[in-house]
């Protein structure tokens, strides 16, 4: 479960969470800019592999 508001890395250890990118978050330069604006180091990102979550669907 994600926090209600993502806060700087000192308050939430992003390195312990896997993130499934969808939509604009697949744009690496846009995601890096968001991370920097919100106090995260883009160095925290590590590509693992394409993945799917069976029996789940995006909810907006």
N, C-alpha and C. Protein backbone atom coordinates (compact mmCIF):
# COMPACT_ATOMS: atom_id res chain seq x y z
N UNK A 1 0.84 -1.18 0.00
CA UNK A 1 0.00 0.00 0.00
C UNK A 1 0.89 1.24 0.00
N UNK A 2 0.56 2.20 -0.84
CA UNK A 2 1.34 3.43 -0.92
C UNK A 2 0.83 4.44 0.09
N UNK A 3 1.70 5.32 0.55
CA UNK A 3 1.24 6.38 1.45
C UNK A 3 0.29 7.31 0.71
N UNK A 4 -0.55 8.04 1.46
CA UNK A 4 -1.49 8.96 0.82
C UNK A 4 -0.76 10.01 -0.01
N UNK A 5 0.37 10.48 0.47
CA UNK A 5 1.15 11.46 -0.28
C UNK A 5 2.59 10.99 -0.22
N UNK A 6 3.22 10.92 -1.36
CA UNK A 6 4.62 10.50 -1.39
C UNK A 6 5.46 11.65 -0.87
N UNK A 7 6.33 11.37 0.07
CA UNK A 7 7.16 12.38 0.70
C UNK A 7 8.63 12.09 0.40
N UNK A 8 9.52 13.04 0.71
CA UNK A 8 10.94 12.81 0.42
C UNK A 8 11.46 11.50 1.00
N UNK A 9 12.50 10.99 0.39
CA UNK A 9 13.02 9.66 0.71
C UNK A 9 13.32 9.45 2.19
N UNK A 10 13.62 10.51 2.92
CA UNK A 10 13.88 10.37 4.34
C UNK A 10 12.67 9.88 5.12
N UNK A 11 11.47 10.13 4.58
CA UNK A 11 10.24 9.74 5.25
C UNK A 11 9.68 8.41 4.76
N UNK A 12 10.12 7.98 3.58
CA UNK A 12 9.57 6.77 2.99
C UNK A 12 10.67 6.11 2.19
N UNK A 13 11.02 4.89 2.51
CA UNK A 13 12.13 4.22 1.86
C UNK A 13 11.68 3.60 0.54
N UNK A 14 11.85 4.35 -0.54
CA UNK A 14 11.41 3.91 -1.85
C UNK A 14 12.19 2.70 -2.32
N UNK A 15 13.38 2.47 -1.80
CA UNK A 15 14.21 1.36 -2.27
C UNK A 15 13.63 0.00 -1.87
N UNK A 16 12.65 -0.03 -1.00
CA UNK A 16 12.05 -1.28 -0.57
C UNK A 16 10.75 -1.60 -1.31
N UNK A 17 10.40 -0.80 -2.31
CA UNK A 17 9.14 -0.98 -3.01
C UNK A 17 9.36 -1.22 -4.49
N UNK A 18 8.59 -2.14 -5.04
CA UNK A 18 8.60 -2.34 -6.48
C UNK A 18 7.52 -1.45 -7.08
N UNK A 19 7.80 -0.93 -8.25
CA UNK A 19 6.86 -0.02 -8.90
C UNK A 19 6.56 -0.55 -10.28
N UNK A 20 5.31 -0.62 -10.63
CA UNK A 20 4.90 -1.03 -11.96
C UNK A 20 4.53 0.23 -12.73
N UNK A 21 5.32 0.55 -13.75
CA UNK A 21 5.08 1.76 -14.53
C UNK A 21 3.94 1.56 -15.50
N UNK A 22 3.14 2.60 -15.66
CA UNK A 22 2.02 2.57 -16.60
C UNK A 22 1.83 3.98 -17.11
N UNK A 23 1.56 4.14 -18.38
CA UNK A 23 1.27 5.45 -18.94
C UNK A 23 2.50 6.34 -18.99
N UNK A 24 2.35 7.60 -18.54
CA UNK A 24 3.44 8.57 -18.67
C UNK A 24 4.66 8.17 -17.85
N UNK A 25 4.49 7.30 -16.87
CA UNK A 25 5.64 6.88 -16.07
C UNK A 25 6.58 5.97 -16.84
N UNK A 26 6.18 5.57 -18.04
CA UNK A 26 7.08 4.81 -18.90
C UNK A 26 8.09 5.74 -19.58
N UNK A 27 7.84 7.05 -19.53
CA UNK A 27 8.74 8.04 -20.09
C UNK A 27 9.81 8.32 -19.03
N UNK A 28 10.99 7.75 -19.22
CA UNK A 28 12.03 7.81 -18.20
C UNK A 28 12.45 9.24 -17.86
N UNK A 29 12.57 10.12 -18.86
CA UNK A 29 12.98 11.50 -18.55
C UNK A 29 11.91 12.21 -17.73
N UNK A 30 10.63 11.96 -18.02
CA UNK A 30 9.55 12.56 -17.24
C UNK A 30 9.55 12.01 -15.81
N UNK A 31 9.75 10.72 -15.66
CA UNK A 31 9.79 10.11 -14.33
C UNK A 31 10.98 10.63 -13.53
N UNK A 32 12.15 10.76 -14.16
CA UNK A 32 13.32 11.31 -13.47
C UNK A 32 13.06 12.74 -13.00
N UNK A 33 12.42 13.55 -13.86
CA UNK A 33 12.10 14.93 -13.47
C UNK A 33 11.15 14.94 -12.28
N UNK A 34 10.16 14.06 -12.27
CA UNK A 34 9.22 13.99 -11.14
C UNK A 34 9.96 13.61 -9.87
N UNK A 35 10.83 12.62 -9.95
CA UNK A 35 11.59 12.20 -8.78
C UNK A 35 12.40 13.36 -8.21
N UNK A 36 13.10 14.08 -9.07
CA UNK A 36 13.92 15.21 -8.60
C UNK A 36 13.06 16.30 -7.99
N UNK A 37 11.91 16.62 -8.61
CA UNK A 37 11.01 17.65 -8.07
C UNK A 37 10.47 17.27 -6.70
N UNK A 38 10.37 15.98 -6.44
CA UNK A 38 9.78 15.52 -5.19
C UNK A 38 10.80 15.01 -4.18
N UNK A 39 12.07 15.32 -4.41
CA UNK A 39 13.09 15.03 -3.42
C UNK A 39 13.69 13.63 -3.46
N UNK A 40 13.49 12.91 -4.57
CA UNK A 40 14.06 11.57 -4.71
C UNK A 40 15.22 11.60 -5.68
N UNK A 41 16.16 10.71 -5.50
CA UNK A 41 17.26 10.56 -6.44
C UNK A 41 16.84 9.61 -7.56
N UNK A 42 16.99 10.00 -8.82
CA UNK A 42 16.70 9.08 -9.92
C UNK A 42 17.57 7.82 -9.86
N UNK A 43 18.66 7.87 -9.11
CA UNK A 43 19.53 6.69 -8.96
C UNK A 43 18.81 5.54 -8.24
N UNK A 44 17.67 5.83 -7.62
CA UNK A 44 16.92 4.77 -6.94
C UNK A 44 16.25 3.82 -7.92
N UNK A 45 16.06 4.27 -9.17
CA UNK A 45 15.39 3.43 -10.17
C UNK A 45 16.30 2.31 -10.63
N UNK A 46 15.75 1.15 -10.70
CA UNK A 46 16.50 -0.01 -11.19
C UNK A 46 15.54 -0.85 -12.03
N UNK A 47 15.85 -1.02 -13.30
CA UNK A 47 15.01 -1.82 -14.17
C UNK A 47 15.20 -3.29 -13.85
N UNK A 48 14.11 -4.00 -13.70
CA UNK A 48 14.20 -5.45 -13.45
C UNK A 48 13.81 -6.22 -14.70
N UNK A 49 12.59 -6.13 -15.10
CA UNK A 49 12.12 -6.84 -16.29
C UNK A 49 10.67 -6.47 -16.55
N UNK A 50 10.20 -6.70 -17.77
CA UNK A 50 8.76 -6.53 -17.99
C UNK A 50 8.00 -7.49 -17.07
N UNK A 51 6.86 -7.07 -16.62
CA UNK A 51 6.09 -7.91 -15.70
C UNK A 51 4.60 -7.71 -15.92
N UNK A 52 3.83 -8.64 -15.44
CA UNK A 52 2.38 -8.48 -15.45
C UNK A 52 1.85 -8.96 -14.11
N UNK A 53 0.71 -8.43 -13.75
CA UNK A 53 0.05 -8.83 -12.51
C UNK A 53 -1.24 -9.55 -12.90
N UNK A 54 -1.23 -10.86 -12.92
CA UNK A 54 -2.43 -11.60 -13.29
C UNK A 54 -3.60 -11.26 -12.36
N UNK A 55 -4.77 -11.20 -12.93
CA UNK A 55 -6.00 -10.94 -12.17
C UNK A 55 -6.07 -9.54 -11.58
N UNK A 56 -5.28 -8.60 -12.11
CA UNK A 56 -5.34 -7.20 -11.69
C UNK A 56 -5.57 -6.35 -12.93
N UNK A 57 -6.15 -5.19 -12.74
CA UNK A 57 -6.32 -4.24 -13.84
C UNK A 57 -6.15 -2.84 -13.29
N UNK A 58 -5.72 -1.87 -14.14
CA UNK A 58 -5.57 -0.50 -13.66
C UNK A 58 -6.92 0.06 -13.21
N UNK A 59 -6.90 0.85 -12.17
CA UNK A 59 -8.10 1.54 -11.69
C UNK A 59 -7.78 3.02 -11.60
N UNK A 60 -8.62 3.82 -12.19
CA UNK A 60 -8.37 5.27 -12.21
C UNK A 60 -9.45 6.00 -11.45
